[in-house]
Protein backbone atom coordinates (compact mmCIF):
# COMPACT_ATOMS: atom_id res chain seq x y z
CA MET A 1 0.02 0.01 0.02
CA SER A 2 1.32 3.45 -0.92
CA LEU A 3 1.76 6.17 1.74
CA ARG A 4 -1.14 8.03 0.14
CA HIS A 5 -3.48 5.09 0.53
CA ALA A 6 -2.21 4.27 3.99
CA LEU A 7 -3.03 7.84 5.13
CA ALA A 8 -6.34 7.81 3.38
CA THR A 9 -7.26 4.48 4.89
CA ILE A 10 -6.62 5.85 8.39
CA ALA A 11 -8.33 9.11 7.85
CA LEU A 12 -11.36 7.88 5.95
CA ALA A 13 -11.75 4.37 7.39
CA PRO A 14 -15.15 4.89 9.10
CA VAL A 15 -16.65 6.50 5.98
CA LEU A 16 -15.15 3.97 3.55
CA LEU A 17 -16.31 1.02 5.57
CA ALA A 18 -19.82 2.46 5.90
CA GLN A 19 -20.03 3.24 2.19
CA GLY A 20 -18.64 -0.19 1.24
CA ARG A 21 -21.36 -1.91 3.30
CA HIS A 22 -23.98 0.32 1.76
CA VAL A 23 -22.85 -0.46 -1.80
CA ARG A 24 -22.82 -4.23 -1.13
CA ARG A 25 -26.32 -3.99 0.37
CA THR A 26 -27.91 -1.81 -2.31
CA THR A 27 -26.20 -2.69 -5.59
CA PRO A 28 -28.34 -5.08 -7.64
CA SER A 29 -26.77 -8.54 -8.17
CA LEU A 30 -26.67 -9.37 -11.83
CA ALA A 31 -26.35 -12.89 -13.19
CA GLU A 32 -23.54 -14.06 -15.39
CA ALA A 33 -24.41 -14.16 -19.09
CA GLU A 34 -26.21 -17.23 -20.30
CA GLY A 35 -24.88 -19.43 -23.06
CA ALA A 36 -22.07 -21.79 -24.08
CA ARG A 37 -18.70 -21.45 -22.49
CA GLU A 38 -16.73 -23.36 -25.14
CA GLY A 39 -17.10 -24.16 -28.78
CA ALA A 40 -15.62 -23.76 -32.28
CA ALA A 41 -16.39 -21.44 -35.20
CA GLY A 42 -14.95 -19.85 -38.31
CA SER A 43 -12.41 -21.01 -40.91
CA GLY A 44 -8.69 -20.49 -41.46
CA PRO A 45 -5.71 -21.43 -39.25
CA LEU A 46 -6.70 -22.95 -35.91
CA LEU A 47 -6.67 -20.48 -33.06
CA ARG A 48 -7.06 -22.00 -29.60
CA LEU A 49 -8.46 -19.15 -27.38
CA LEU A 50 -8.91 -19.07 -23.60
CA VAL A 51 -10.84 -16.25 -21.90
CA VAL A 52 -10.20 -16.31 -18.17
CA GLY A 53 -11.12 -14.14 -15.26
CA ASP A 54 -13.80 -12.53 -13.11
CA SER A 55 -17.46 -11.43 -13.52
CA ALA A 56 -16.58 -9.21 -16.48
CA ALA A 57 -15.01 -12.18 -18.28
CA ALA A 58 -18.12 -14.20 -17.30
CA GLY A 59 -20.32 -11.61 -19.06
CA VAL A 60 -22.14 -10.00 -16.16
CA GLY A 61 -24.00 -7.08 -17.66
CA ALA A 62 -24.90 -8.89 -20.91
CA GLN A 63 -27.84 -11.26 -21.32
CA THR A 64 -26.00 -13.88 -23.30
CA GLN A 65 -22.39 -14.85 -23.94
CA ASP A 66 -22.90 -13.77 -27.60
CA ASP A 67 -23.12 -10.18 -26.35
CA ALA A 68 -20.32 -10.56 -23.73
CA LEU A 69 -16.56 -10.51 -24.11
CA SER A 70 -16.04 -14.11 -25.18
CA GLY A 71 -18.84 -14.02 -27.71
CA ARG A 72 -17.68 -10.76 -29.25
CA LEU A 73 -14.11 -12.06 -29.44
CA VAL A 74 -15.17 -15.21 -31.26
CA ALA A 75 -17.37 -13.22 -33.64
CA GLY A 76 -14.53 -10.88 -34.47
CA LEU A 77 -11.93 -13.62 -34.92
CA THR A 78 -13.86 -16.02 -37.17
CA ASN A 79 -13.10 -14.04 -40.29
CA SER A 80 -9.40 -14.85 -39.85
CA PHE A 81 -9.31 -18.09 -37.86
CA HIS A 82 -11.01 -21.31 -37.05
CA VAL A 83 -11.47 -20.49 -33.38
CA ARG A 84 -11.57 -23.21 -30.74
CA TRP A 85 -12.51 -21.29 -27.60
CA LYS A 86 -13.14 -21.74 -23.91
CA LEU A 87 -14.33 -19.45 -21.17
CA THR A 88 -13.19 -20.02 -17.60
CA ALA A 89 -14.57 -17.29 -15.35
CA PHE A 90 -16.68 -16.72 -12.29
CA THR A 91 -18.07 -13.84 -10.27
CA GLY A 92 -15.91 -12.59 -7.46
CA ALA A 93 -12.67 -14.20 -8.80
CA THR A 94 -9.46 -12.67 -7.59
CA THR A 95 -6.09 -13.46 -9.16
CA ALA A 96 -5.37 -15.89 -6.34
CA ASP A 97 -8.74 -17.55 -6.82
CA MET A 98 -8.14 -18.10 -10.58
CA LEU A 99 -4.59 -19.25 -9.93
CA ASP A 100 -5.89 -21.96 -7.54
CA HIS A 101 -8.71 -22.87 -9.93
CA LEU A 102 -6.41 -23.36 -12.94
CA GLN A 103 -3.91 -25.33 -10.92
CA GLN A 104 -6.64 -27.89 -10.34
CA GLN A 105 -7.65 -28.13 -14.01
CA PRO A 106 -6.11 -30.58 -16.57
CA ALA A 107 -3.38 -29.17 -18.79
CA GLU A 108 -4.46 -27.90 -22.20
CA GLU A 109 -2.82 -25.81 -24.97
CA PHE A 110 -3.97 -22.37 -26.05
CA ASP A 111 -2.51 -20.05 -28.59
CA VAL A 112 -4.01 -16.92 -27.07
CA VAL A 113 -5.24 -16.20 -23.54
CA VAL A 114 -7.31 -13.10 -22.69
CA THR A 115 -7.49 -12.22 -19.01
CA SER A 116 -9.78 -10.00 -16.94
CA LEU A 117 -8.63 -9.83 -13.32
CA GLY A 118 -7.97 -7.15 -10.76
CA VAL A 119 -11.22 -5.46 -9.70
CA ASN A 120 -11.82 -7.97 -6.95
CA ASP A 121 -8.23 -7.78 -5.83
CA VAL A 122 -8.73 -4.00 -5.42
CA THR A 123 -12.05 -4.24 -3.61
CA GLY A 124 -10.72 -7.20 -1.51
CA ARG A 125 -7.81 -4.99 -0.35
CA CYS A 126 -5.11 -7.20 -1.74
CA SER A 127 -1.73 -5.46 -1.42
CA LEU A 128 -0.10 -4.23 -4.61
CA ALA A 129 2.99 -6.27 -3.88
CA ASP A 130 0.95 -9.47 -3.41
CA TRP A 131 -1.00 -8.82 -6.59
CA ARG A 132 2.14 -8.29 -8.64
CA ARG A 133 3.52 -11.54 -7.31
CA GLU A 134 0.25 -13.48 -7.98
CA GLN A 135 -0.04 -12.02 -11.50
CA GLY A 136 3.50 -13.19 -12.18
CA GLN A 137 2.59 -16.71 -10.98
CA PHE A 138 -0.54 -16.59 -13.05
CA ILE A 139 1.35 -15.69 -16.23
CA ALA A 140 3.85 -18.45 -15.55
CA LEU A 141 1.10 -20.98 -15.11
CA LEU A 142 -0.54 -19.94 -18.38
CA GLU A 143 2.74 -20.25 -20.24
CA ASN A 144 3.95 -23.48 -18.69
CA LYS A 145 0.81 -25.55 -18.02
CA PHE A 146 -1.39 -24.18 -20.79
CA ARG A 147 1.41 -23.44 -23.33
CA ALA A 148 -0.01 -19.98 -24.04
CA ARG A 149 1.81 -18.40 -26.97
CA HIS A 150 0.42 -14.96 -26.32
CA ILE A 151 -1.33 -13.48 -23.30
CA LEU A 152 -3.42 -10.34 -23.48
CA LEU A 153 -3.73 -8.78 -19.98
CA SER A 154 -6.76 -6.59 -19.78
CA GLY A 155 -6.16 -3.59 -17.66
CA LEU A 156 -8.37 -2.48 -14.80
CA PRO A 157 -11.36 -0.32 -15.67
CA PRO A 158 -11.43 3.29 -14.50
CA MET A 159 -13.21 2.53 -11.24
CA HIS A 160 -13.19 6.21 -10.25
CA ARG A 161 -15.96 6.61 -12.84
CA PHE A 162 -18.17 3.72 -11.61
CA PRO A 163 -21.68 5.18 -10.98
CA ALA A 164 -22.35 2.60 -8.23
CA LEU A 165 -19.62 3.97 -5.99
CA PRO A 166 -20.26 7.13 -3.89
CA GLN A 167 -17.52 9.59 -2.98
CA PRO A 168 -15.01 9.32 -1.31
CA LEU A 169 -15.13 5.52 -1.84
CA ARG A 170 -15.10 6.10 -5.66
CA TRP A 171 -11.92 8.13 -5.39
CA TYR A 172 -10.22 5.68 -3.02
CA VAL A 173 -11.06 2.52 -5.02
CA GLY A 174 -10.38 4.27 -8.32
CA SER A 175 -6.97 5.48 -7.17
CA ARG A 176 -6.01 1.92 -6.11
CA ALA A 177 -7.26 0.55 -9.41
CA GLN A 178 -4.98 3.04 -11.27
CA ASP A 179 -2.01 1.84 -9.21
CA PHE A 180 -2.86 -1.79 -10.03
CA ASP A 181 -3.30 -0.90 -13.69
CA ARG A 182 0.10 0.74 -13.98
CA ALA A 183 1.70 -2.22 -12.27
CA LEU A 184 0.04 -4.65 -14.70
CA ALA A 185 1.28 -2.57 -17.65
CA ARG A 186 4.83 -2.69 -16.33
CA LEU A 187 4.58 -6.43 -15.79
CA ALA A 188 3.42 -6.98 -19.35
CA ASP A 189 6.32 -4.87 -20.69
CA ASN A 190 8.71 -7.19 -18.96
CA GLN A 191 7.16 -10.40 -20.32
CA SER A 192 7.90 -11.22 -23.95
CA GLY A 193 4.73 -13.33 -24.35
CA CYS A 194 2.37 -10.73 -22.83
CA GLU A 195 0.58 -7.63 -24.08
CA PHE A 196 -1.29 -5.06 -21.95
CA VAL A 197 -4.70 -3.90 -23.09
CA ARG A 198 -5.77 -0.61 -21.47
CA LEU A 199 -9.45 -0.14 -20.76
CA GLY A 200 -9.55 3.58 -21.34
CA TYR A 201 -12.06 6.25 -20.44
CA GLU A 202 -13.69 6.28 -23.83
CA MET A 203 -14.19 2.52 -23.69
CA MET A 204 -15.74 2.57 -20.16
CA ASP A 205 -18.47 5.18 -20.78
CA PRO A 206 -20.60 5.21 -17.58
CA GLN A 207 -23.71 5.57 -19.77
CA ALA A 208 -22.88 2.23 -21.45
CA MET A 209 -22.40 0.28 -18.22
CA ALA A 210 -24.75 -2.33 -16.88
CA ALA A 211 -27.73 -1.48 -14.62
CA ASP A 212 -25.65 -2.07 -11.47
CA GLY A 213 -23.28 0.75 -12.36
CA PHE A 214 -20.35 -1.59 -11.81
CA HIS A 215 -20.10 -4.01 -14.81
CA PRO A 216 -19.72 -3.43 -18.55
CA GLY A 217 -22.75 -3.32 -20.80
CA PRO A 218 -22.90 -4.89 -24.26
CA ALA A 219 -21.47 -1.79 -25.98
CA ILE A 220 -18.42 -1.84 -23.74
CA TYR A 221 -17.93 -5.58 -24.33
CA GLU A 222 -18.03 -4.91 -28.10
CA GLN A 223 -15.38 -2.18 -27.87
CA TRP A 224 -13.18 -4.24 -25.53
CA ALA A 225 -13.39 -7.26 -27.86
CA THR A 226 -12.75 -5.17 -30.99
CA GLU A 227 -9.49 -3.86 -29.54
CA ILE A 228 -8.28 -7.37 -28.58
CA VAL A 229 -9.30 -8.82 -31.98
CA ARG A 230 -7.29 -6.09 -33.71
CA ARG A 231 -4.22 -6.93 -31.70
CA ILE A 232 -4.56 -10.70 -32.33
CA VAL A 233 -4.99 -10.19 -36.07
CA ASP A 234 -2.03 -7.78 -36.15
CA ARG A 235 0.07 -10.53 -34.51
CA LEU A 236 -0.97 -13.16 -37.03
CA PRO A 237 2.51 -13.52 -38.61
CA GLN A 238 4.08 -14.14 -35.21
CA LEU A 239 1.43 -16.58 -34.12
CA PHE A 240 1.30 -18.56 -37.36
CA PRO A 241 4.53 -17.94 -39.29
CA GLU A 242 4.01 -21.14 -41.34
CA ASP A 243 0.63 -19.82 -42.61
CA THR A 244 1.75 -16.30 -43.44
CA ALA A 245 5.19 -16.80 -44.96
């Protein structure tokens, strides 16, 4: 924890705790998107895709997986690839939770992994040092056990703009999310097989968020997926040199 957050925690603790309890009590609980969590579609070189993470990865805020992150990714990739895809995500997942979960799963091979983790680490008061360490272990697991050739690490959303959070809780949580986001970007820069995907202000328009004021809505999932698809297609020669020589 930075000195800034340590001082803010001490000074604002009663208010932050009260607001946190109020948000948990009053924020509507939305279901994960319905629909398949694995499948195959498209034509071209085989692309084995894993989408892994928290409630945003699981599609909370969309009615079906077709309108959520995994569905929009598959739809965008099928013009260039035969996509064999899998979604492994659940509401409330922290990085440590997903690390434990994947350690218990059988080994598989994926060409591309898209992650969405960090919001629950922020709200769960995970320290920045612990989160960096867990993210490093998570990346190593994806590369070693799941043979990931390229990992796209989705950044944290701008939580200081979340309508569900009152002030000063919104500032406090949002400031921590920005610290986590910067740390994730630096981690990706130091990993040859990783790429950081920033979820910018224009992507996380509060008006396009889900009814709970905390999760993406379909329009945000579409923009998020479009950016990731662009990056995967741009990396086609590196992913499949034998097919693009």
